[in-house]
Amino acid sequence: MRNLKLKKVLPVATETETLQKSTQESDVGLHLVTDSVGSVSHSSPDLQGVKETPGLHVMGDLFEVQCDDRYMLDAEFLKNHCVRLVKEAGLTTVGEFFKQFDGAGGVTGTVVLAESHLCIHTWPEKSYVTVDVYVCSYTQDNRPRARKLYQSLLDTFQPKSEKAHAVERL
């Protein structure tokens, strides 16, 4: 596996972002997705007028994490931490479920948000974590909150490298 540079989720306007490999092997980051004629695709005709402001769905693969082992192995500790990060990001927890697997197994967990969800899966034996932050923007633009929450998760897990994919959703 090649080592990717650690990148932060980039700000978005109204475009869709995706992880793409550029001509330089080490230059990885989020960029705009365009349709077949080169213009930015905003929404399908079926979704026209559903919402004024799109939501944001950020998915990350975090490699060679350098965090405290409790974040990888202790479901209760990770749950409490995630609920705190959600609150600090200005989002609303409506429920949570975290499961710790036997022995030195990892943790899988979800925080259900009024705005959508946060999901985390840890593999301590591989120093690997996946995160999924999805927020809707039904009554307000929650994209900055999603980016803040995702960045807080990067700060928590301290990966040496990361692959991220972000999509605006209606």
Protein backbone atom coordinates (compact mmCIF):
# COMPACT_ATOMS: atom_id res chain seq x y z
CA MET A 1 0.00 0.00 0.00
CA ARG A 2 1.39 3.38 -0.94
CA ASN A 3 1.59 6.09 1.67
CA LEU A 4 -0.82 8.97 0.97
CA LYS A 5 -0.40 12.51 2.23
CA LEU A 6 -2.71 13.49 5.06
CA LYS A 7 -5.33 15.82 3.61
CA LYS A 8 -8.08 17.79 5.30
CA VAL A 9 -11.56 17.76 3.82
CA LEU A 10 -11.64 20.75 1.53
CA PRO A 11 -14.44 23.32 1.65
CA VAL A 12 -17.20 22.84 -0.90
CA ALA A 13 -19.56 25.26 -2.54
CA THR A 14 -22.34 23.40 -4.35
CA GLU A 15 -20.25 20.85 -6.19
CA THR A 16 -19.65 17.16 -5.69
CA GLU A 17 -16.17 16.16 -4.54
CA THR A 18 -14.41 12.87 -4.93
CA LEU A 19 -10.98 11.44 -4.33
CA GLN A 20 -9.01 11.24 -7.55
CA LYS A 21 -5.42 10.38 -8.34
CA SER A 22 -3.77 13.14 -10.35
CA THR A 23 -0.87 12.78 -12.73
CA GLN A 24 1.53 12.97 -9.79
CA GLU A 25 1.46 9.83 -7.64
CA SER A 26 1.73 11.78 -4.38
CA ASP A 27 -0.85 14.46 -5.24
CA VAL A 28 -4.13 13.11 -3.88
CA GLY A 29 -7.07 15.22 -2.84
CA LEU A 30 -10.72 16.07 -3.34
CA HIS A 31 -11.84 17.53 -6.65
CA LEU A 32 -15.04 18.36 -8.52
CA VAL A 33 -16.97 15.68 -10.35
CA THR A 34 -18.30 16.77 -13.72
CA ASP A 35 -20.76 15.20 -16.11
CA SER A 36 -19.81 13.82 -19.55
CA VAL A 37 -19.77 17.28 -21.16
CA GLY A 38 -17.53 18.78 -18.50
CA SER A 39 -20.05 20.83 -16.53
CA VAL A 40 -20.57 20.39 -12.82
CA SER A 41 -23.52 18.14 -12.05
CA HIS A 42 -25.77 19.54 -9.29
CA SER A 43 -28.77 17.23 -9.07
CA SER A 44 -30.94 14.81 -10.94
CA PRO A 45 -34.25 16.04 -12.36
CA ASP A 46 -36.04 13.87 -9.77
CA LEU A 47 -34.52 15.91 -6.94
CA GLN A 48 -35.12 19.40 -8.35
CA GLY A 49 -36.54 21.66 -5.66
CA VAL A 50 -36.25 19.09 -2.84
CA LYS A 51 -33.88 21.28 -0.81
CA GLU A 52 -32.14 24.58 -1.33
CA THR A 53 -28.87 23.50 0.30
CA PRO A 54 -27.38 20.04 -0.17
CA GLY A 55 -26.11 17.87 2.65
CA LEU A 56 -22.59 16.51 2.81
CA HIS A 57 -21.44 12.89 3.06
CA VAL A 58 -17.75 12.46 3.97
CA MET A 59 -16.17 9.00 4.06
CA GLY A 60 -12.61 8.43 5.18
CA ASP A 61 -10.14 5.57 5.41
CA LEU A 62 -7.54 6.34 8.06
CA PHE A 63 -4.28 4.39 7.85
CA GLU A 64 -1.53 3.87 10.44
CA VAL A 65 -3.47 5.65 13.17
CA GLN A 66 -1.41 6.91 16.10
CA CYS A 67 -4.16 7.40 18.70
CA ASP A 68 -4.63 6.19 22.26
CA ASP A 69 -5.57 2.47 22.16
CA ARG A 70 -8.83 3.19 23.99
CA TYR A 71 -10.23 4.80 20.82
CA MET A 72 -9.60 1.53 18.98
CA LEU A 73 -10.62 -1.00 21.65
CA ASP A 74 -13.04 0.51 24.16
CA ALA A 75 -16.59 0.91 22.81
CA GLU A 76 -17.86 2.97 25.76
CA PHE A 77 -14.85 5.30 25.66
CA LEU A 78 -15.17 5.80 21.88
CA LYS A 79 -18.95 6.34 22.14
CA ASN A 80 -18.58 9.04 24.79
CA HIS A 81 -15.85 10.73 22.76
CA CYS A 82 -17.90 10.68 19.55
CA VAL A 83 -20.99 12.07 21.27
CA ARG A 84 -18.84 14.91 22.66
CA LEU A 85 -17.36 15.63 19.19
CA VAL A 86 -20.85 15.68 17.68
CA LYS A 87 -21.97 18.25 20.25
CA GLU A 88 -18.82 20.36 19.73
CA ALA A 89 -19.49 20.36 15.99
CA GLY A 90 -22.95 21.82 16.62
CA LEU A 91 -24.87 18.68 15.65
CA THR A 92 -27.59 16.83 17.59
CA THR A 93 -27.32 13.23 18.89
CA VAL A 94 -30.62 11.36 18.94
CA GLY A 95 -29.17 7.89 19.66
CA GLU A 96 -26.03 5.81 19.59
CA PHE A 97 -24.91 2.19 19.46
CA PHE A 98 -21.32 0.96 19.81
CA LYS A 99 -20.19 -2.69 19.82
CA GLN A 100 -16.80 -3.91 20.96
CA PHE A 101 -15.67 -7.21 19.48
CA ASP A 102 -14.11 -9.94 21.62
CA GLY A 103 -10.46 -10.00 22.61
CA ALA A 104 -8.36 -7.41 20.84
CA GLY A 105 -11.09 -6.89 18.25
CA GLY A 106 -12.11 -3.43 17.26
CA VAL A 107 -15.21 -1.33 17.71
CA THR A 108 -18.05 -0.55 15.36
CA GLY A 109 -20.35 2.30 16.23
CA THR A 110 -22.99 4.70 15.05
CA VAL A 111 -24.20 8.00 16.42
CA VAL A 112 -27.60 8.79 14.95
CA LEU A 113 -27.95 12.52 14.43
CA ALA A 114 -31.03 14.65 13.95
CA GLU A 115 -29.06 15.75 10.87
CA SER A 116 -28.17 12.13 9.80
CA HIS A 117 -25.29 9.99 11.19
CA LEU A 118 -21.68 9.31 12.17
CA CYS A 119 -20.32 5.76 11.76
CA ILE A 120 -16.92 4.44 12.85
CA HIS A 121 -15.24 1.05 12.46
CA THR A 122 -11.82 0.29 14.01
CA TRP A 123 -9.32 -2.45 13.19
CA PRO A 124 -6.66 -2.17 15.93
CA GLU A 125 -4.65 -5.07 14.51
CA LYS A 126 -4.21 -3.09 11.29
CA SER A 127 -4.05 0.43 12.81
CA TYR A 128 -6.93 1.25 10.48
CA VAL A 129 -10.21 3.14 10.95
CA THR A 130 -13.09 3.98 8.64
CA VAL A 131 -15.35 6.94 9.34
CA ASP A 132 -18.56 8.08 7.70
CA VAL A 133 -20.07 11.49 8.46
CA TYR A 134 -23.34 12.34 6.73
CA VAL A 135 -25.39 15.45 7.42
CA CYS A 136 -28.50 16.78 5.78
CA SER A 137 -29.10 20.49 5.37
CA TYR A 138 -32.87 20.53 5.64
CA THR A 139 -33.29 23.64 7.80
CA GLN A 140 -29.73 25.03 7.73
CA ASP A 141 -26.41 24.45 5.95
CA ASN A 142 -24.73 21.74 8.03
CA ARG A 143 -21.78 21.16 5.67
CA PRO A 144 -19.37 23.21 7.83
CA ARG A 145 -20.43 21.11 10.86
CA ALA A 146 -19.76 17.89 8.94
CA ARG A 147 -16.28 19.11 7.99
CA LYS A 148 -15.60 20.14 11.60
CA LEU A 149 -16.70 16.73 12.90
CA TYR A 150 -14.59 14.91 10.31
CA GLN A 151 -11.55 17.04 11.17
CA SER A 152 -12.09 16.28 14.88
CA LEU A 153 -12.04 12.58 14.04
CA LEU A 154 -8.77 13.04 12.13
CA ASP A 155 -7.36 14.86 15.16
CA THR A 156 -8.52 11.97 17.38
CA PHE A 157 -7.12 9.09 15.35
CA GLN A 158 -4.01 10.89 14.05
CA PRO A 159 -3.55 8.84 10.87
CA LYS A 160 -0.26 8.90 9.02
CA SER A 161 -2.28 8.78 5.81
CA GLU A 162 -5.89 9.17 4.79
CA LYS A 163 -8.14 8.64 1.80
CA ALA A 164 -11.30 10.74 1.80
CA HIS A 165 -14.34 10.94 -0.42
CA ALA A 166 -17.00 13.64 -0.03
CA VAL A 167 -20.29 13.93 -1.87
CA GLU A 168 -22.94 16.60 -1.67
CA ARG A 169 -26.36 15.00 -1.32
CA LEU A 170 -29.83 16.40 -1.70
